[in-house]
Amino acid sequence: MTIVHTKGIFTHEISWCSCPGSDPNDWHLELLQGQLFPASISKPKTAFTFDVLNHFLVDALECKTSAMSFYQKLKQLTNNAFPDRVPDRYRELMRVSRLWRDLKHRKWFGFGHDTEKDPGEGGLALFCPACPQPGLNLPTDWRDSNLLQYVIDGNFTAQHMKMNKPELDVALSDGKGYMVSEGPYQSHLQQSLDSKERSTCSNHRAINAANINKSNLQSTGIGATACAQHGCQWSVNFHQWVKSSPSLLLPPVLEIIPAVGKFHLAAHKLSCFPRYSLNFIKGAGHLDGEILETLWAPFNKISPTARSMSQAHRQEVYDDHMRDSNWKKLVGIGEVFFLEGE
């Protein structure tokens, strides 16, 4: 059996349990009891140690290491002189690491040992205590004294190529993290108009970048929403697009005050400053409106790798990085409050 560990890739002879009543169909369970994750359930011939799978997930999050680069590292550790003689288990690593990531997240969110309860939409997304939530961290009269502020931004570096065989794609956590469910989203796109809107704002190329030739692309980028509010160009025809879509609806009493983050505002026309600056919006406070830029920075590093992944795999990788981003904010928020208290 080929065993992949943090220190290299090794081949070992395995003696399976031959006790009375033992079943060859349970060989994969024997491996799991020994902290070895089998690459297959039926007659496994390859296994990954729990340690190497944990190392790969941390490397992917912190160092943006691709599966190929990680496996090449293990081959170098195993046989630096002749790495081509090391067994190739790259495809097995791709498959097993997806399963390992999904199992870890289900366990962390309380679904690991409950086979009856499904996480549901957003069930594997980490709650942010800093986000204003009515009934949780907002006063009862919050409507009179507070604004719910959101940032809407797009990343056109996070492109995705079309898959050769999309029917073979298998989703493990579709819609259960931060990315929306693929089925309803595709239905929404089929009902929406594909308008190549040109930016009317000088020196602002984000909208124009989205209209590149996309014959070989499944998507030209990613759009995200977070706490705060952003949108000079998008706010121009926002209500019109909502009205023209059968899948979108705005409450009639909802008032939307568009603004532009302070970093992006410098790239807009001079006339945008008095109209969209957060400095002139009552209730905005000391807000920069650029929180999504802290998410795009790591996304830009993993986008070349995620570009050619399957749709489901890409969604899981981006969900994992967004979850990691929120976790770091969660564990660091106490230190921020402590410093402010001083």
C-alpha atoms as a PDB file:
ATOM      1  CA  MET A   1       0.000   0.000   0.000  1.00  0.00           C
ATOM      2  CA  THR A   2       1.134   3.522  -0.798  1.00  0.00           C
ATOM      3  CA  ILE A   3       0.977   5.796   2.254  1.00  0.00           C
ATOM      4  CA  VAL A   4       1.341   9.568   1.891  1.00  0.00           C
ATOM      5  CA  HIS A   5       2.718  11.323   4.970  1.00  0.00           C
ATOM      6  CA  THR A   6       4.122  14.741   5.818  1.00  0.00           C
ATOM      7  CA  LYS A   7       7.679  13.363   5.524  1.00  0.00           C
ATOM      8  CA  GLY A   8       7.195  11.655   2.181  1.00  0.00           C
ATOM      9  CA  ILE A   9       5.438   8.946   0.167  1.00  0.00           C
ATOM     10  CA  PHE A  10       6.131   5.361   1.189  1.00  0.00           C
ATOM     11  CA  THR A  11       5.136   1.836   0.195  1.00  0.00           C
ATOM     12  CA  HIS A  12       4.313  -0.622   2.989  1.00  0.00           C
ATOM     13  CA  GLU A  13       2.997  -4.144   3.297  1.00  0.00           C
ATOM     14  CA  ILE A  14      -0.352  -4.175   5.096  1.00  0.00           C
ATOM     15  CA  SER A  15      -1.732  -7.113   7.085  1.00  0.00           C
ATOM     16  CA  TRP A  16      -5.494  -6.831   7.266  1.00  0.00           C
ATOM     17  CA  CYS A  17      -7.462  -8.124  10.223  1.00  0.00           C
ATOM     18  CA  SER A  18      -8.173 -11.847   9.819  1.00  0.00           C
ATOM     19  CA  CYS A  19     -10.043 -12.376  13.064  1.00  0.00           C
ATOM     20  CA  PRO A  20     -13.232 -14.476  12.953  1.00  0.00           C
ATOM     21  CA  GLY A  21     -16.070 -12.322  11.670  1.00  0.00           C
ATOM     22  CA  SER A  22     -13.795  -9.790   9.969  1.00  0.00           C
ATOM     23  CA  ASP A  23     -15.042  -8.432   6.649  1.00  0.00           C
ATOM     24  CA  PRO A  24     -12.848  -7.205   3.754  1.00  0.00           C
ATOM     25  CA  ASN A  25     -15.501  -4.559   3.133  1.00  0.00           C
ATOM     26  CA  ASP A  26     -14.393  -2.959   6.421  1.00  0.00           C
ATOM     27  CA  TRP A  27     -10.744  -2.527   5.437  1.00  0.00           C
ATOM     28  CA  HIS A  28     -11.243   1.200   4.977  1.00  0.00           C
ATOM     29  CA  LEU A  29     -12.540   1.421   8.558  1.00  0.00           C
ATOM     30  CA  GLU A  30      -9.371  -0.248   9.838  1.00  0.00           C
ATOM     31  CA  LEU A  31      -7.329   2.430   8.087  1.00  0.00           C
ATOM     32  CA  LEU A  32      -9.428   5.220   9.558  1.00  0.00           C
ATOM     33  CA  GLN A  33      -8.939   3.766  13.047  1.00  0.00           C
ATOM     34  CA  GLY A  34      -5.197   4.021  12.406  1.00  0.00           C
ATOM     35  CA  GLN A  35      -5.581   7.690  11.347  1.00  0.00           C
ATOM     36  CA  LEU A  36      -5.144   6.826   7.680  1.00  0.00           C
ATOM     37  CA  PHE A  37      -7.664   8.181   5.159  1.00  0.00           C
ATOM     38  CA  PRO A  38      -8.163   5.684   2.301  1.00  0.00           C
ATOM     39  CA  ALA A  39      -8.296   6.900  -1.280  1.00  0.00           C
ATOM     40  CA  SER A  40     -11.114   4.411  -1.939  1.00  0.00           C
ATOM     41  CA  ILE A  41     -13.527   2.360   0.134  1.00  0.00           C
ATOM     42  CA  SER A  42     -13.310  -0.874  -1.857  1.00  0.00           C
ATOM     43  CA  LYS A  43      -9.918  -2.625  -1.503  1.00  0.00           C
ATOM     44  CA  PRO A  44      -7.915   0.565  -0.824  1.00  0.00           C
ATOM     45  CA  LYS A  45      -4.349   0.650  -2.147  1.00  0.00           C
ATOM     46  CA  THR A  46      -3.521   4.254  -1.175  1.00  0.00           C
ATOM     47  CA  ALA A  47      -4.000   6.095   2.111  1.00  0.00           C
ATOM     48  CA  PHE A  48      -3.178   9.570   3.434  1.00  0.00           C
ATOM     49  CA  THR A  49      -2.284  10.239   7.049  1.00  0.00           C
ATOM     50  CA  PHE A  50      -4.528  12.654   8.883  1.00  0.00           C
ATOM     51  CA  ASP A  51      -1.455  14.792   9.498  1.00  0.00           C
ATOM     52  CA  VAL A  52      -0.624  15.254   5.811  1.00  0.00           C
ATOM     53  CA  LEU A  53      -4.216  16.208   5.005  1.00  0.00           C
ATOM     54  CA  ASN A  54      -4.227  18.785   7.807  1.00  0.00           C
ATOM     55  CA  HIS A  55      -0.894  20.120   6.560  1.00  0.00           C
ATOM     56  CA  PHE A  56      -2.251  20.496   3.044  1.00  0.00           C
ATOM     57  CA  LEU A  57      -5.329  22.442   4.199  1.00  0.00           C
ATOM     58  CA  VAL A  58      -3.194  24.824   6.270  1.00  0.00           C
ATOM     59  CA  ASP A  59      -0.685  25.253   3.415  1.00  0.00           C
ATOM     60  CA  ALA A  60      -3.544  25.990   1.023  1.00  0.00           C
ATOM     61  CA  LEU A  61      -4.972  28.647   3.332  1.00  0.00           C
ATOM     62  CA  GLU A  62      -1.799  30.330   4.538  1.00  0.00           C
ATOM     63  CA  CYS A  63       0.628  29.790   1.648  1.00  0.00           C
ATOM     64  CA  LYS A  64      -1.946  29.443  -1.190  1.00  0.00           C
ATOM     65  CA  THR A  65      -0.252  26.166  -2.136  1.00  0.00           C
ATOM     66  CA  SER A  66      -1.905  24.192  -4.925  1.00  0.00           C
ATOM     67  CA  ALA A  67      -2.356  20.433  -4.680  1.00  0.00           C
ATOM     68  CA  MET A  68       0.206  19.939  -7.445  1.00  0.00           C
ATOM     69  CA  SER A  69       2.860  22.033  -5.675  1.00  0.00           C
ATOM     70  CA  PHE A  70       2.173  20.314  -2.353  1.00  0.00           C
ATOM     71  CA  TYR A  71       2.539  16.859  -3.874  1.00  0.00           C
ATOM     72  CA  GLN A  72       5.687  17.877  -5.722  1.00  0.00           C
ATOM     73  CA  LYS A  73       7.125  18.928  -2.369  1.00  0.00           C
ATOM     74  CA  LEU A  74       6.350  15.514  -0.910  1.00  0.00           C
ATOM     75  CA  LYS A  75       8.039  13.843  -3.887  1.00  0.00           C
ATOM     76  CA  GLN A  76      11.158  15.933  -3.319  1.00  0.00           C
ATOM     77  CA  LEU A  77      11.174  14.959   0.365  1.00  0.00           C
ATOM     78  CA  THR A  78      10.827  11.288  -0.590  1.00  0.00           C
ATOM     79  CA  ASN A  79      13.469  11.075  -3.320  1.00  0.00           C
ATOM     80  CA  ASN A  80      15.214  14.283  -4.226  1.00  0.00           C
ATOM     81  CA  ALA A  81      17.521  12.570  -6.715  1.00  0.00           C
ATOM     82  CA  PHE A  82      14.826  10.692  -8.645  1.00  0.00           C
ATOM     83  CA  PRO A  83      11.409  12.235  -7.797  1.00  0.00           C
ATOM     84  CA  ASP A  84       9.871  10.647 -10.904  1.00  0.00           C
ATOM     85  CA  ARG A  85      10.267   7.230  -9.282  1.00  0.00           C
ATOM     86  CA  VAL A  86       7.891   8.224  -6.477  1.00  0.00           C
ATOM     87  CA  PRO A  87       4.321   6.892  -6.919  1.00  0.00           C
ATOM     88  CA  ASP A  88       2.026   9.506  -8.418  1.00  0.00           C
ATOM     89  CA  ARG A  89      -0.983  10.011  -6.168  1.00  0.00           C
ATOM     90  CA  TYR A  90      -1.810  13.594  -7.176  1.00  0.00           C
ATOM     91  CA  ARG A  91      -5.340  12.780  -8.369  1.00  0.00           C
ATOM     92  CA  GLU A  92      -6.014  10.847  -5.169  1.00  0.00           C
ATOM     93  CA  LEU A  93      -4.834  13.856  -3.139  1.00  0.00           C
ATOM     94  CA  MET A  94      -7.246  16.115  -5.033  1.00  0.00           C
ATOM     95  CA  ARG A  95     -10.178  13.849  -4.266  1.00  0.00           C
ATOM     96  CA  VAL A  96      -9.315  12.951  -0.671  1.00  0.00           C
ATOM     97  CA  SER A  97      -8.468  16.534   0.342  1.00  0.00           C
ATOM     98  CA  ARG A  98     -11.947  17.661  -0.767  1.00  0.00           C
ATOM     99  CA  LEU A  99     -13.552  14.949   1.362  1.00  0.00           C
ATOM    100  CA  TRP A 100     -11.292  15.770   4.313  1.00  0.00           C
ATOM    101  CA  ARG A 101     -12.090  19.487   4.121  1.00  0.00           C
ATOM    102  CA  ASP A 102     -15.831  18.796   3.988  1.00  0.00           C
ATOM    103  CA  LEU A 103     -15.720  16.348   6.920  1.00  0.00           C
ATOM    104  CA  LYS A 104     -13.688  18.752   9.063  1.00  0.00           C
ATOM    105  CA  HIS A 105     -16.117  21.588   8.466  1.00  0.00           C
ATOM    106  CA  ARG A 106     -19.163  19.462   9.165  1.00  0.00           C
ATOM    107  CA  LYS A 107     -17.591  18.364  12.458  1.00  0.00           C
ATOM    108  CA  TRP A 108     -16.661  21.935  13.428  1.00  0.00           C
ATOM    109  CA  PHE A 109     -20.213  23.156  12.802  1.00  0.00           C
ATOM    110  CA  GLY A 110     -21.855  20.313  14.712  1.00  0.00           C
ATOM    111  CA  PHE A 111     -22.871  18.027  11.842  1.00  0.00           C
ATOM    112  CA  GLY A 112     -20.013  15.523  12.004  1.00  0.00           C
ATOM    113  CA  HIS A 113     -21.839  12.785  13.886  1.00  0.00           C
ATOM    114  CA  ASP A 114     -25.392  13.586  12.792  1.00  0.00           C
ATOM    115  CA  THR A 115     -26.178  11.768   9.558  1.00  0.00           C
ATOM    116  CA  GLU A 116     -29.837  12.798   9.650  1.00  0.00           C
ATOM    117  CA  LYS A 117     -29.426  16.576   9.916  1.00  0.00           C
ATOM    118  CA  ASP A 118     -28.200  18.491   6.885  1.00  0.00           C
ATOM    119  CA  PRO A 119     -26.350  21.813   7.322  1.00  0.00           C
ATOM    120  CA  GLY A 120     -28.757  23.613   4.979  1.00  0.00           C
ATOM    121  CA  GLU A 121     -27.993  26.847   3.147  1.00  0.00           C
ATOM    122  CA  GLY A 122     -25.274  28.785   4.957  1.00  0.00           C
ATOM    123  CA  GLY A 123     -25.022  26.083   7.617  1.00  0.00           C
ATOM    124  CA  LEU A 124     -21.236  25.885   7.217  1.00  0.00           C
ATOM    125  CA  ALA A 125     -20.696  29.671   7.226  1.00  0.00           C
ATOM    126  CA  LEU A 126     -19.119  31.274  10.265  1.00  0.00           C
ATOM    127  CA  PHE A 127     -21.167  33.975  11.995  1.00  0.00           C
ATOM    128  CA  CYS A 128     -19.389  37.314  12.426  1.00  0.00           C
ATOM    129  CA  PRO A 129     -20.155  38.933  15.814  1.00  0.00           C
ATOM    130  CA  ALA A 130     -19.173  42.362  14.500  1.00  0.00           C
ATOM    131  CA  CYS A 131     -21.960  42.390  11.903  1.00  0.00           C
ATOM    132  CA  PRO A 132     -25.015  44.381  13.031  1.00  0.00           C
ATOM    133  CA  GLN A 133     -27.814  41.890  13.693  1.00  0.00           C
ATOM    134  CA  PRO A 134     -31.267  43.062  14.871  1.00  0.00           C
ATOM    135  CA  GLY A 135     -32.152  41.300  18.092  1.00  0.00           C
ATOM    136  CA  LEU A 136     -28.553  40.305  18.797  1.00  0.00           C
ATOM    137  CA  ASN A 137     -26.205  43.290  18.960  1.00  0.00           C
ATOM    138  CA  LEU A 138     -28.447  46.213  17.964  1.00  0.00           C
ATOM    139  CA  PRO A 139     -30.728  48.189  20.314  1.00  0.00           C
ATOM    140  CA  THR A 140     -34.483  47.878  19.916  1.00  0.00           C
ATOM    141  CA  ASP A 141     -34.679  51.383  18.406  1.00  0.00           C
ATOM    142  CA  TRP A 142     -31.899  50.689  15.879  1.00  0.00           C
ATOM    143  CA  ARG A 143     -34.081  51.832  12.975  1.00  0.00           C
ATOM    144  CA  ASP A 144     -34.067  55.370  14.381  1.00  0.00           C
ATOM    145  CA  SER A 145     -30.378  55.623  15.113  1.00  0.00           C
ATOM    146  CA  ASN A 146     -28.501  53.082  12.970  1.00  0.00           C
ATOM    147  CA  LEU A 147     -27.935  52.274   9.335  1.00  0.00           C
ATOM    148  CA  LEU A 148     -27.458  48.758   8.002  1.00  0.00           C
ATOM    149  CA  GLN A 149     -24.383  49.228   5.840  1.00  0.00           C
ATOM    150  CA  TYR A 150     -23.254  46.801   3.156  1.00  0.00           C
ATOM    151  CA  VAL A 151     -20.363  46.637   0.710  1.00  0.00           C
ATOM    152  CA  ILE A 152     -20.969  45.200  -2.760  1.00  0.00           C
ATOM    153  CA  ASP A 153     -17.887  44.595  -4.854  1.00  0.00           C
ATOM    154  CA  GLY A 154     -16.660  42.375  -7.672  1.00  0.00           C
ATOM    155  CA  ASN A 155     -13.392  40.598  -8.326  1.00  0.00           C
ATOM    156  CA  PHE A 156     -12.760  40.043 -12.029  1.00  0.00           C
ATOM    157  CA  THR A 157      -9.493  38.211 -11.411  1.00  0.00           C
ATOM    158  CA  ALA A 158     -11.404  35.232  -9.979  1.00  0.00           C
ATOM    159  CA  GLN A 159     -12.434  33.868 -13.364  1.00  0.00           C
ATOM    160  CA  HIS A 160     -13.612  30.323 -14.021  1.00  0.00           C
ATOM    161  CA  MET A 161     -13.107  28.327 -17.187  1.00  0.00           C
ATOM    162  CA  LYS A 162     -15.830  26.176 -18.718  1.00  0.00           C
ATOM    163  CA  MET A 163     -15.685  22.510 -17.778  1.00  0.00           C
ATOM    164  CA  ASN A 164     -15.308  19.833 -20.434  1.00  0.00           C
ATOM    165  CA  LYS A 165     -17.672  17.434 -18.640  1.00  0.00           C
ATOM    166  CA  PRO A 166     -19.803  19.391 -16.151  1.00  0.00           C
ATOM    167  CA  GLU A 167     -22.136  16.409 -15.760  1.00  0.00           C
ATOM    168  CA  LEU A 168     -19.354  14.593 -13.860  1.00  0.00           C
ATOM    169  CA  ASP A 169     -18.979  17.354 -11.281  1.00  0.00           C
ATOM    170  CA  VAL A 170     -19.942  16.325  -7.735  1.00  0.00           C
ATOM    171  CA  ALA A 171     -20.792  18.983  -5.140  1.00  0.00           C
ATOM    172  CA  LEU A 172     -20.119  18.279  -1.464  1.00  0.00           C
ATOM    173  CA  SER A 173     -21.375  21.519   0.094  1.00  0.00           C
ATOM    174  CA  ASP A 174     -23.253  23.455  -2.577  1.00  0.00           C
ATOM    175  CA  GLY A 175     -24.718  26.591  -0.988  1.00  0.00           C
ATOM    176  CA  LYS A 176     -23.829  25.488   2.539  1.00  0.00           C
ATOM    177  CA  GLY A 177     -21.024  28.026   2.917  1.00  0.00           C
ATOM    178  CA  TYR A 178     -20.747  31.578   1.607  1.00  0.00           C
ATOM    179  CA  MET A 179     -21.155  30.909  -2.116  1.00  0.00           C
ATOM    180  CA  VAL A 180     -24.761  30.710  -3.318  1.00  0.00           C
ATOM    181  CA  SER A 181     -26.297  27.448  -4.533  1.00  0.00           C
ATOM    182  CA  GLU A 182     -25.426  26.765  -8.146  1.00  0.00           C
ATOM    183  CA  GLY A 183     -28.878  25.625  -9.318  1.00  0.00           C
ATOM    184  CA  PRO A 184     -30.939  28.675  -8.246  1.00  0.00           C
ATOM    185  CA  TYR A 185     -28.142  31.001  -9.382  1.00  0.00           C
ATOM    186  CA  GLN A 186     -28.073  29.503 -12.879  1.00  0.00           C
ATOM    187  CA  SER A 187     -31.869  29.824 -13.034  1.00  0.00           C
ATOM    188  CA  HIS A 188     -31.525  33.487 -12.106  1.00  0.00           C
ATOM    189  CA  LEU A 189     -28.926  34.026 -14.846  1.00  0.00           C
ATOM    190  CA  GLN A 190     -31.198  32.449 -17.465  1.00  0.00           C
ATOM    191  CA  GLN A 191     -33.934  34.939 -16.545  1.00  0.00           C
ATOM    192  CA  SER A 192     -31.591  37.932 -16.494  1.00  0.00           C
ATOM    193  CA  LEU A 193     -30.482  40.135 -19.348  1.00  0.00           C
ATOM    194  CA  ASP A 194     -26.805  40.050 -20.289  1.00  0.00           C
ATOM    195  CA  SER A 195     -26.078  43.756 -20.663  1.00  0.00           C
ATOM    196  CA  LYS A 196     -22.582  44.970 -21.507  1.00  0.00           C
ATOM    197  CA  GLU A 197     -22.782  48.175 -19.525  1.00  0.00           C
ATOM    198  CA  ARG A 198     -19.960  50.634 -20.036  1.00  0.00           C
ATOM    199  CA  SER A 199     -18.612  52.630 -17.146  1.00  0.00           C
ATOM    200  CA  THR A 200     -19.488  56.325 -17.302  1.00  0.00           C
ATOM    201  CA  CYS A 201     -16.892  57.094 -14.661  1.00  0.00           C
ATOM    202  CA  SER A 202     -13.425  58.091 -15.876  1.00  0.00           C
ATOM    203  CA  ASN A 203     -10.434  56.018 -14.741  1.00  0.00           C
ATOM    204  CA  HIS A 204     -12.777  53.331 -13.421  1.00  0.00           C
ATOM    205  CA  ARG A 205     -12.299  50.100 -15.365  1.00  0.00           C
ATOM    206  CA  ALA A 206     -13.999  47.501 -13.121  1.00  0.00           C
ATOM    207  CA  ILE A 207     -17.240  47.398 -15.098  1.00  0.00           C
ATOM    208  CA  ASN A 208     -15.398  47.391 -18.425  1.00  0.00           C
ATOM    209  CA  ALA A 209     -13.181  44.525 -17.250  1.00  0.00           C
ATOM    210  CA  ALA A 210     -16.265  42.367 -16.728  1.00  0.00           C
ATOM    211  CA  ASN A 211     -17.160  42.674 -20.406  1.00  0.00           C
ATOM    212  CA  ILE A 212     -14.090  40.904 -21.737  1.00  0.00           C
ATOM    213  CA  ASN A 213     -14.396  38.049 -24.217  1.00  0.00           C
ATOM    214  CA  LYS A 214     -15.811  35.179 -22.191  1.00  0.00           C
ATOM    215  CA  SER A 215     -16.292  32.471 -24.811  1.00  0.00           C
ATOM    216  CA  ASN A 216     -14.063  30.095 -22.827  1.00  0.00           C
ATOM    217  CA  LEU A 217     -15.201  31.279 -19.374  1.00  0.00           C
ATOM    218  CA  GLN A 218     -17.991  29.978 -17.189  1.00  0.00           C
ATOM    219  CA  SER A 219     -17.779  33.181 -15.145  1.00  0.00           C
ATOM    220  CA  THR A 220     -15.749  36.379 -15.424  1.00  0.00           C
ATOM    221  CA  GLY A 221     -15.355  36.875 -11.687  1.00  0.00           C
ATOM    222  CA  ILE A 222     -17.024  36.837  -8.285  1.00  0.00           C
ATOM    223  CA  GLY A 223     -19.407  39.315  -6.670  1.00  0.00           C
ATOM    224  CA  ALA A 224     -19.632  39.565  -2.898  1.00  0.00           C
ATOM    225  CA  THR A 225     -21.597  41.418  -0.234  1.00  0.00           C
ATOM    226  CA  ALA A 226     -20.333  42.251   3.247  1.00  0.00           C
ATOM    227  CA  CYS A 227     -21.060  44.751   5.996  1.00  0.00           C
ATOM    228  CA  ALA A 228     -20.972  48.405   4.745  1.00  0.00           C
ATOM    229  CA  GLN A 229     -22.078  49.915   1.454  1.00  0.00           C
ATOM    230  CA  HIS A 230     -20.522  50.570  -1.979  1.00  0.00           C
ATOM    231  CA  GLY A 231     -21.750  51.448  -5.424  1.00  0.00           C
ATOM    232  CA  CYS A 232     -21.412  54.505  -7.686  1.00  0.00           C
ATOM    233  CA  GLN A 233     -21.582  52.681 -11.053  1.00  0.00           C
ATOM    234  CA  TRP A 234     -23.791  49.811  -9.891  1.00  0.00           C
ATOM    235  CA  SER A 235     -26.279  52.111  -8.191  1.00  0.00           C
ATOM    236  CA  VAL A 236     -27.088  53.961 -11.420  1.00  0.00           C
ATOM    237  CA  ASN A 237     -29.361  51.260 -12.832  1.00  0.00           C
ATOM    238  CA  PHE A 238     -29.724  49.077  -9.733  1.00  0.00           C
ATOM    239  CA  HIS A 239     -33.481  49.549  -9.248  1.00  0.00           C
ATOM    240  CA  GLN A 240     -34.080  49.082 -12.963  1.00  0.00           C
ATOM    241  CA  TRP A 241     -32.284  45.720 -12.991  1.00  0.00           C
ATOM    242  CA  VAL A 242     -34.174  44.558  -9.912  1.00  0.00           C
ATOM    243  CA  LYS A 243     -37.520  45.438 -11.496  1.00  0.00           C
ATOM    244  CA  SER A 244     -36.641  43.624 -14.720  1.00  0.00           C
ATOM    245  CA  SER A 245     -35.729  40.402 -12.897  1.00  0.00           C
ATOM    246  CA  PRO A 246     -38.498  37.980 -11.821  1.00  0.00           C
ATOM    247  CA  SER A 247     -36.220  36.516  -9.124  1.00  0.00           C
ATOM    248  CA  LEU A 248     -35.329  39.783  -7.353  1.00  0.00           C
ATOM    249  CA  LEU A 249     -37.482  41.965  -5.113  1.00  0.00           C
ATOM    250  CA  LEU A 250     -36.912  45.045  -2.961  1.00  0.00           C
ATOM    251  CA  PRO A 251     -39.255  46.048  -0.099  1.00  0.00           C
ATOM    252  CA  PRO A 252     -41.168  49.202  -1.124  1.00  0.00           C
ATOM    253  CA  VAL A 253     -40.205  50.988   2.115  1.00  0.00           C
ATOM    254  CA  LEU A 254     -36.498  50.236   1.731  1.00  0.00           C
ATOM    255  CA  GLU A 255     -34.302  53.288   1.197  1.00  0.00           C
ATOM    256  CA  ILE A 256     -30.871  52.634  -0.324  1.00  0.00           C
ATOM    257  CA  ILE A 257     -28.176  55.285   0.059  1.00  0.00           C
ATOM    258  CA  PRO A 258     -25.329  54.469  -2.381  1.00  0.00           C
ATOM    259  CA  ALA A 259     -21.747  55.318  -1.474  1.00  0.00           C
ATOM    260  CA  VAL A 260     -18.226  54.522  -2.647  1.00  0.00           C
ATOM    261  CA  GLY A 261     -15.418  53.185  -0.492  1.00  0.00           C
ATOM    262  CA  LYS A 262     -12.646  55.661   0.224  1.00  0.00           C
ATOM    263  CA  PHE A 263     -10.005  53.677  -1.662  1.00  0.00           C
ATOM    264  CA  HIS A 264     -12.166  53.324  -4.792  1.00  0.00           C
ATOM    265  CA  LEU A 265     -13.414  56.905  -4.691  1.00  0.00           C
ATOM    266  CA  ALA A 266     -10.035  58.256  -5.794  1.00  0.00           C
ATOM    267  CA  ALA A 267     -10.439  56.438  -9.135  1.00  0.00           C
ATOM    268  CA  HIS A 268     -13.822  58.053  -9.839  1.00  0.00           C
ATOM    269  CA  LYS A 269     -14.664  61.383 -11.415  1.00  0.00           C
ATOM    270  CA  LEU A 270     -14.459  64.495  -9.295  1.00  0.00           C
ATOM    271  CA  SER A 271     -18.255  64.862  -9.390  1.00  0.00           C
ATOM    272  CA  CYS A 272     -18.594  61.494  -7.615  1.00  0.00           C
ATOM    273  CA  PHE A 273     -16.883  62.803  -4.467  1.00  0.00           C
ATOM    274  CA  PRO A 274     -19.636  65.018  -3.018  1.00  0.00           C
ATOM    275  CA  ARG A 275     -22.326  62.588  -4.161  1.00  0.00           C
ATOM    276  CA  TYR A 276     -20.907  59.252  -2.985  1.00  0.00           C
ATOM    277  CA  SER A 277     -18.311  60.056  -0.298  1.00  0.00           C
ATOM    278  CA  LEU A 278     -18.912  58.358   3.061  1.00  0.00           C
ATOM    279  CA  ASN A 279     -17.758  61.572   4.731  1.00  0.00           C
ATOM    280  CA  PHE A 280     -21.076  63.218   3.848  1.00  0.00           C
ATOM    281  CA  ILE A 281     -23.508  60.395   4.734  1.00  0.00           C
ATOM    282  CA  LYS A 282     -25.196  60.779   8.084  1.00  0.00           C
ATOM    283  CA  GLY A 283     -24.761  57.718  10.262  1.00  0.00           C
ATOM    284  CA  ALA A 284     -21.885  56.257   8.233  1.00  0.00           C
ATOM    285  CA  GLY A 285     -19.412  56.904  11.036  1.00  0.00           C
ATOM    286  CA  HIS A 286     -15.691  56.245  10.539  1.00  0.00           C
ATOM    287  CA  LEU A 287     -16.199  53.748   7.734  1.00  0.00           C
ATOM    288  CA  ASP A 288     -13.847  53.104   4.822  1.00  0.00           C
ATOM    289  CA  GLY A 289     -16.195  50.755   2.948  1.00  0.00           C
ATOM    290  CA  GLU A 290     -13.309  48.614   1.713  1.00  0.00           C
ATOM    291  CA  ILE A 291     -13.625  45.453   3.823  1.00  0.00           C
ATOM    292  CA  LEU A 292     -13.926  43.265   0.726  1.00  0.00           C
ATOM    293  CA  GLU A 293     -10.473  44.307  -0.428  1.00  0.00           C
ATOM    294  CA  THR A 294      -9.073  42.265   2.479  1.00  0.00           C
ATOM    295  CA  LEU A 295     -10.844  39.244   0.970  1.00  0.00           C
ATOM    296  CA  TRP A 296      -9.807  39.901  -2.629  1.00  0.00           C
ATOM    297  CA  ALA A 297      -6.120  39.959  -1.680  1.00  0.00           C
ATOM    298  CA  PRO A 298      -5.945  36.211  -0.864  1.00  0.00           C
ATOM    299  CA  PHE A 299      -8.457  35.433  -3.625  1.00  0.00           C
ATOM    300  CA  ASN A 300      -6.112  36.949  -6.209  1.00  0.00           C
ATOM    301  CA  LYS A 301      -3.396  34.531  -5.090  1.00  0.00           C
ATOM    302  CA  ILE A 302      -5.543  31.413  -5.447  1.00  0.00           C
ATOM    303  CA  SER A 303      -7.475  32.515  -8.548  1.00  0.00           C
ATOM    304  CA  PRO A 304      -4.948  31.054 -11.045  1.00  0.00           C
ATOM    305  CA  THR A 305      -5.348  27.641  -9.384  1.00  0.00           C
ATOM    306  CA  ALA A 306      -9.131  27.866  -8.941  1.00  0.00           C
ATOM    307  CA  ARG A 307      -9.605  29.069 -12.522  1.00  0.00           C
ATOM    308  CA  SER A 308      -9.459  25.541 -13.971  1.00  0.00           C
ATOM    309  CA  MET A 309     -11.110  23.651 -11.113  1.00  0.00           C
ATOM    310  CA  SER A 310     -14.540  22.110 -11.403  1.00  0.00           C
ATOM    311  CA  GLN A 311     -17.400  24.345 -10.318  1.00  0.00           C
ATOM    312  CA  ALA A 312     -17.978  22.405  -7.096  1.00  0.00           C
ATOM    313  CA  HIS A 313     -14.276  22.250  -6.171  1.00  0.00           C
ATOM    314  CA  ARG A 314     -13.839  25.977  -6.853  1.00  0.00           C
ATOM    315  CA  GLN A 315     -16.815  26.805  -4.657  1.00  0.00           C
ATOM    316  CA  GLU A 316     -15.422  24.711  -1.801  1.00  0.00           C
ATOM    317  CA  VAL A 317     -11.990  26.374  -2.027  1.00  0.00           C
ATOM    318  CA  TYR A 318     -13.412  29.902  -2.027  1.00  0.00           C
ATOM    319  CA  ASP A 319     -15.789  29.000   0.826  1.00  0.00           C
ATOM    320  CA  ASP A 320     -12.814  27.721   2.810  1.00  0.00           C
ATOM    321  CA  HIS A 321     -10.858  30.959   2.346  1.00  0.00           C
ATOM    322  CA  MET A 322     -13.852  33.102   3.279  1.00  0.00           C
ATOM    323  CA  ARG A 323     -14.437  30.948   6.344  1.00  0.00           C
ATOM    324  CA  ASP A 324     -10.783  31.303   7.312  1.00  0.00           C
ATOM    325  CA  SER A 325     -10.999  35.086   6.852  1.00  0.00           C
ATOM    326  CA  ASN A 326     -14.010  35.308   9.160  1.00  0.00           C
ATOM    327  CA  TRP A 327     -12.377  33.010  11.723  1.00  0.00           C
ATOM    328  CA  LYS A 328      -9.308  35.251  11.939  1.00  0.00           C
ATOM    329  CA  LYS A 329     -11.550  38.287  12.443  1.00  0.00           C
ATOM    330  CA  LEU A 330     -13.472  36.412  15.117  1.00  0.00           C
ATOM    331  CA  VAL A 331     -10.441  35.404  17.180  1.00  0.00           C
ATOM    332  CA  GLY A 332      -8.812  38.830  16.713  1.00  0.00           C
ATOM    333  CA  ILE A 333     -11.809  40.979  17.573  1.00  0.00           C
ATOM    334  CA  GLY A 334     -11.244  40.612  21.315  1.00  0.00           C
ATOM    335  CA  GLU A 335      -7.780  42.141  21.029  1.00  0.00           C
ATOM    336  CA  VAL A 336      -9.240  45.095  19.112  1.00  0.00           C
ATOM    337  CA  PHE A 337     -11.815  45.746  21.850  1.00  0.00           C
ATOM    338  CA  PHE A 338      -9.111  45.419  24.509  1.00  0.00           C
ATOM    339  CA  LEU A 339      -6.877  48.005  22.821  1.00  0.00           C
ATOM    340  CA  GLU A 340      -9.800  50.391  22.383  1.00  0.00           C
ATOM    341  CA  GLY A 341     -10.692  49.963  26.054  1.00  0.00           C
ATOM    342  CA  GLU A 342      -7.213  51.072  27.056  1.00  0.00           C
END
